[in-house]
């Protein structure tokens, strides 16, 4: 592997670490009450956003990419702090999962979920460190979630990094609606 190749993997690891760090910093002062506040309209509560980001990173890395069981179904089963997983995509309606009911009933024990999140982040970094740049071109089938066929690199960039950053914005907005500062900066 050339220096340039090592740099691309190092850069990707840094992006993922930065996204996870921002998520945790955005969640740092969220109380249980704020996390479970149900906003008007169709927006999801903070707890559902946080659970979604961490569970989906675990599922993508430890399930889809590594081909094993996600931590939430193995070493962390029953210890994630999340009362129930989000609904799976409906095979009859690719790309569609109705999370509105789930998001309003899911309970998230923030301290427990933060510990689980730390384990997910560590497993993600360990996995990313094992990659070569060619691995990023590995095909990934996202048809079940309405995104067609893609690559591992695309999923890491958009499904992990982009997902975390996007939900940080939603969490920040929901904090603001409750009179709190959203982002930590």
Protein backbone atom coordinates (compact mmCIF):
# COMPACT_ATOMS: atom_id res chain seq x y z
CA UNK A 1 0.00 0.00 0.00
CA UNK A 2 1.44 3.37 -0.99
CA UNK A 3 1.54 6.44 1.25
CA UNK A 4 -1.33 7.93 -0.74
CA UNK A 5 -3.43 4.79 -0.19
CA UNK A 6 -2.73 4.84 3.54
CA UNK A 7 -3.70 8.51 3.60
CA UNK A 8 -7.11 7.79 2.05
CA UNK A 9 -7.95 5.22 4.72
CA UNK A 10 -6.58 7.50 7.45
CA UNK A 11 -8.70 10.34 6.13
CA UNK A 12 -11.81 8.17 6.08
CA UNK A 13 -11.14 7.05 9.66
CA UNK A 14 -10.79 10.68 10.69
CA UNK A 15 -14.10 11.62 9.02
CA UNK A 16 -15.94 8.84 10.84
CA UNK A 17 -14.30 9.74 14.17
CA UNK A 18 -15.21 13.41 13.67
CA UNK A 19 -18.84 12.57 12.86
CA UNK A 20 -19.11 10.34 15.94
CA UNK A 21 -17.41 12.96 18.09
CA UNK A 22 -19.85 15.64 16.94
CA UNK A 23 -22.81 13.34 17.61
CA UNK A 24 -21.62 12.66 21.14
CA UNK A 25 -20.84 16.33 21.79
CA UNK A 26 -24.30 17.31 20.51
CA UNK A 27 -25.88 14.70 22.80
CA UNK A 28 -23.66 15.47 25.81
CA UNK A 29 -26.07 17.70 27.74
CA UNK A 30 -29.34 16.13 26.58
CA UNK A 31 -31.53 15.00 29.46
CA UNK A 32 -33.86 11.98 29.40
CA UNK A 33 -36.82 14.37 29.30
CA UNK A 34 -35.40 16.32 26.34
CA UNK A 35 -34.46 13.09 24.54
CA UNK A 36 -38.01 11.75 24.73
CA UNK A 37 -39.88 15.01 24.09
CA UNK A 38 -42.24 14.44 21.17
CA UNK A 39 -42.07 17.43 18.83
CA UNK A 40 -45.11 18.69 16.95
CA UNK A 41 -45.62 17.46 13.41
CA UNK A 42 -43.80 14.41 12.13
CA UNK A 43 -40.26 15.02 13.46
CA UNK A 44 -38.76 12.22 15.55
CA UNK A 45 -37.69 12.76 19.16
CA UNK A 46 -33.97 13.16 19.89
CA UNK A 47 -33.80 9.67 21.44
CA UNK A 48 -34.94 8.08 18.18
CA UNK A 49 -32.37 10.03 16.14
CA UNK A 50 -29.54 9.01 18.45
CA UNK A 51 -30.60 5.35 18.55
CA UNK A 52 -30.95 5.27 14.76
CA UNK A 53 -27.45 6.64 14.11
CA UNK A 54 -25.69 4.27 16.51
CA UNK A 55 -27.71 1.17 15.63
CA UNK A 56 -27.33 1.76 11.89
CA UNK A 57 -23.55 2.23 12.14
CA UNK A 58 -23.33 -1.01 14.10
CA UNK A 59 -25.54 -2.82 11.59
CA UNK A 60 -23.60 -1.54 8.60
CA UNK A 61 -20.12 -2.25 9.93
CA UNK A 62 -20.51 -5.33 12.10
CA UNK A 63 -23.40 -6.84 10.15
CA UNK A 64 -23.26 -5.92 6.48
CA UNK A 65 -19.55 -5.20 5.99
CA UNK A 66 -18.04 -7.80 8.32
CA UNK A 67 -20.75 -10.37 7.62
CA UNK A 68 -21.28 -11.12 11.30
CA UNK A 69 -23.76 -10.18 13.94
CA UNK A 70 -24.02 -6.51 14.89
CA UNK A 71 -22.98 -5.79 18.47
CA UNK A 72 -26.63 -5.15 19.34
CA UNK A 73 -27.39 -8.79 18.48
CA UNK A 74 -24.24 -10.27 20.03
CA UNK A 75 -21.98 -8.90 22.78
CA UNK A 76 -24.28 -5.94 23.49
CA UNK A 77 -27.62 -7.77 23.19
CA UNK A 78 -29.94 -6.39 25.86
CA UNK A 79 -27.37 -3.76 26.91
CA UNK A 80 -27.70 -1.06 24.21
CA UNK A 81 -30.07 1.07 26.27
CA UNK A 82 -32.53 1.10 23.36
CA UNK A 83 -35.91 -0.47 24.20
CA UNK A 84 -36.55 -1.77 20.68
CA UNK A 85 -34.93 -1.59 17.25
CA UNK A 86 -36.42 0.56 14.51
CA UNK A 87 -38.68 -1.25 12.08
CA UNK A 88 -37.00 -3.04 9.21
CA UNK A 89 -37.66 -1.90 5.66
CA UNK A 90 -40.86 -3.27 4.14
CA UNK A 91 -39.86 -5.58 1.24
CA UNK A 92 -43.14 -4.72 -0.49
CA UNK A 93 -42.19 -1.03 -0.41
CA UNK A 94 -38.40 -0.74 -0.97
CA UNK A 95 -36.97 2.28 0.79
CA UNK A 96 -39.99 2.72 3.03
CA UNK A 97 -39.99 2.19 6.77
CA UNK A 98 -42.63 3.92 8.83
CA UNK A 99 -40.71 5.02 11.89
CA UNK A 100 -43.33 7.47 13.15
CA UNK A 101 -44.86 5.09 15.71
CA UNK A 102 -41.51 3.56 16.72
CA UNK A 103 -39.90 6.96 17.22
CA UNK A 104 -42.59 8.01 19.68
CA UNK A 105 -42.51 4.83 21.77
CA UNK A 106 -38.81 3.89 21.80
CA UNK A 107 -37.09 4.53 25.11
CA UNK A 108 -33.39 5.23 25.25
CA UNK A 109 -31.36 4.99 28.43
CA UNK A 110 -28.79 7.63 27.52
CA UNK A 111 -25.91 6.47 29.77
CA UNK A 112 -26.28 2.87 28.59
CA UNK A 113 -26.55 3.91 24.94
CA UNK A 114 -23.46 6.11 25.25
CA UNK A 115 -21.48 3.07 26.46
CA UNK A 116 -22.84 0.98 23.60
CA UNK A 117 -22.04 3.80 21.16
CA UNK A 118 -18.42 3.84 22.38
CA UNK A 119 -18.16 0.12 21.62
CA UNK A 120 -19.67 0.68 18.16
CA UNK A 121 -17.25 3.52 17.42
CA UNK A 122 -14.27 1.40 18.52
CA UNK A 123 -15.40 -1.54 16.38
CA UNK A 124 -15.92 0.79 13.43
CA UNK A 125 -12.45 2.27 13.74
CA UNK A 126 -10.88 -1.17 14.07
CA UNK A 127 -12.71 -2.28 10.93
CA UNK A 128 -11.74 0.83 8.97
CA UNK A 129 -8.09 0.40 10.00
CA UNK A 130 -8.16 -3.09 8.45
CA UNK A 131 -9.26 -1.81 5.03
CA UNK A 132 -7.27 -1.17 1.91
CA UNK A 133 -8.45 1.45 -0.59
CA UNK A 134 -9.61 -1.30 -2.94
CA UNK A 135 -12.06 -2.52 -0.30
CA UNK A 136 -13.97 0.74 -0.64
CA UNK A 137 -15.07 -0.38 -4.12
CA UNK A 138 -16.68 -3.56 -2.77
CA UNK A 139 -20.30 -3.73 -3.99
CA UNK A 140 -23.09 -3.24 -1.46
CA UNK A 141 -26.73 -3.91 -2.30
CA UNK A 142 -29.01 -1.27 -0.76
CA UNK A 143 -32.08 -2.18 -2.78
CA UNK A 144 -34.03 -3.11 0.36
CA UNK A 145 -33.74 0.49 1.59
CA UNK A 146 -34.48 2.03 -1.79
CA UNK A 147 -30.92 3.05 -2.68
CA UNK A 148 -30.01 0.42 -5.27
CA UNK A 149 -26.50 -0.93 -5.61
CA UNK A 150 -23.52 1.00 -4.38
CA UNK A 151 -20.06 0.55 -2.84
CA UNK A 152 -18.71 0.20 0.67
CA UNK A 153 -17.00 3.58 0.30
CA UNK A 154 -20.30 5.24 -0.58
CA UNK A 155 -22.03 3.67 2.42
CA UNK A 156 -19.25 4.75 4.80
CA UNK A 157 -19.27 8.30 3.43
CA UNK A 158 -23.03 8.73 3.18
CA UNK A 159 -24.58 6.08 5.44
CA UNK A 160 -22.23 6.57 8.38
CA UNK A 161 -20.59 10.01 8.12
CA UNK A 162 -23.45 11.78 6.33
CA UNK A 163 -26.08 10.08 8.48
CA UNK A 164 -24.38 11.19 11.71
CA UNK A 165 -23.94 14.77 10.52
CA UNK A 166 -27.51 14.97 9.24
CA UNK A 167 -29.01 13.68 12.48
CA UNK A 168 -26.76 16.03 14.49
CA UNK A 169 -28.57 18.86 12.71
CA UNK A 170 -31.97 17.41 13.54
CA UNK A 171 -30.97 16.83 17.17
CA UNK A 172 -29.63 20.39 17.39
CA UNK A 173 -32.90 21.77 16.02
CA UNK A 174 -34.94 19.72 18.50
CA UNK A 175 -32.74 20.95 21.35
CA UNK A 176 -33.33 24.52 20.14
CA UNK A 177 -37.09 23.97 20.14
CA UNK A 178 -36.75 23.07 23.81
CA UNK A 179 -34.79 26.23 24.62
CA UNK A 180 -31.34 24.63 24.64
CA UNK A 181 -28.25 25.32 22.57
CA UNK A 182 -28.14 22.81 19.72
CA UNK A 183 -24.59 22.24 18.52
CA UNK A 184 -21.78 22.24 21.07
CA UNK A 185 -19.95 25.12 19.37
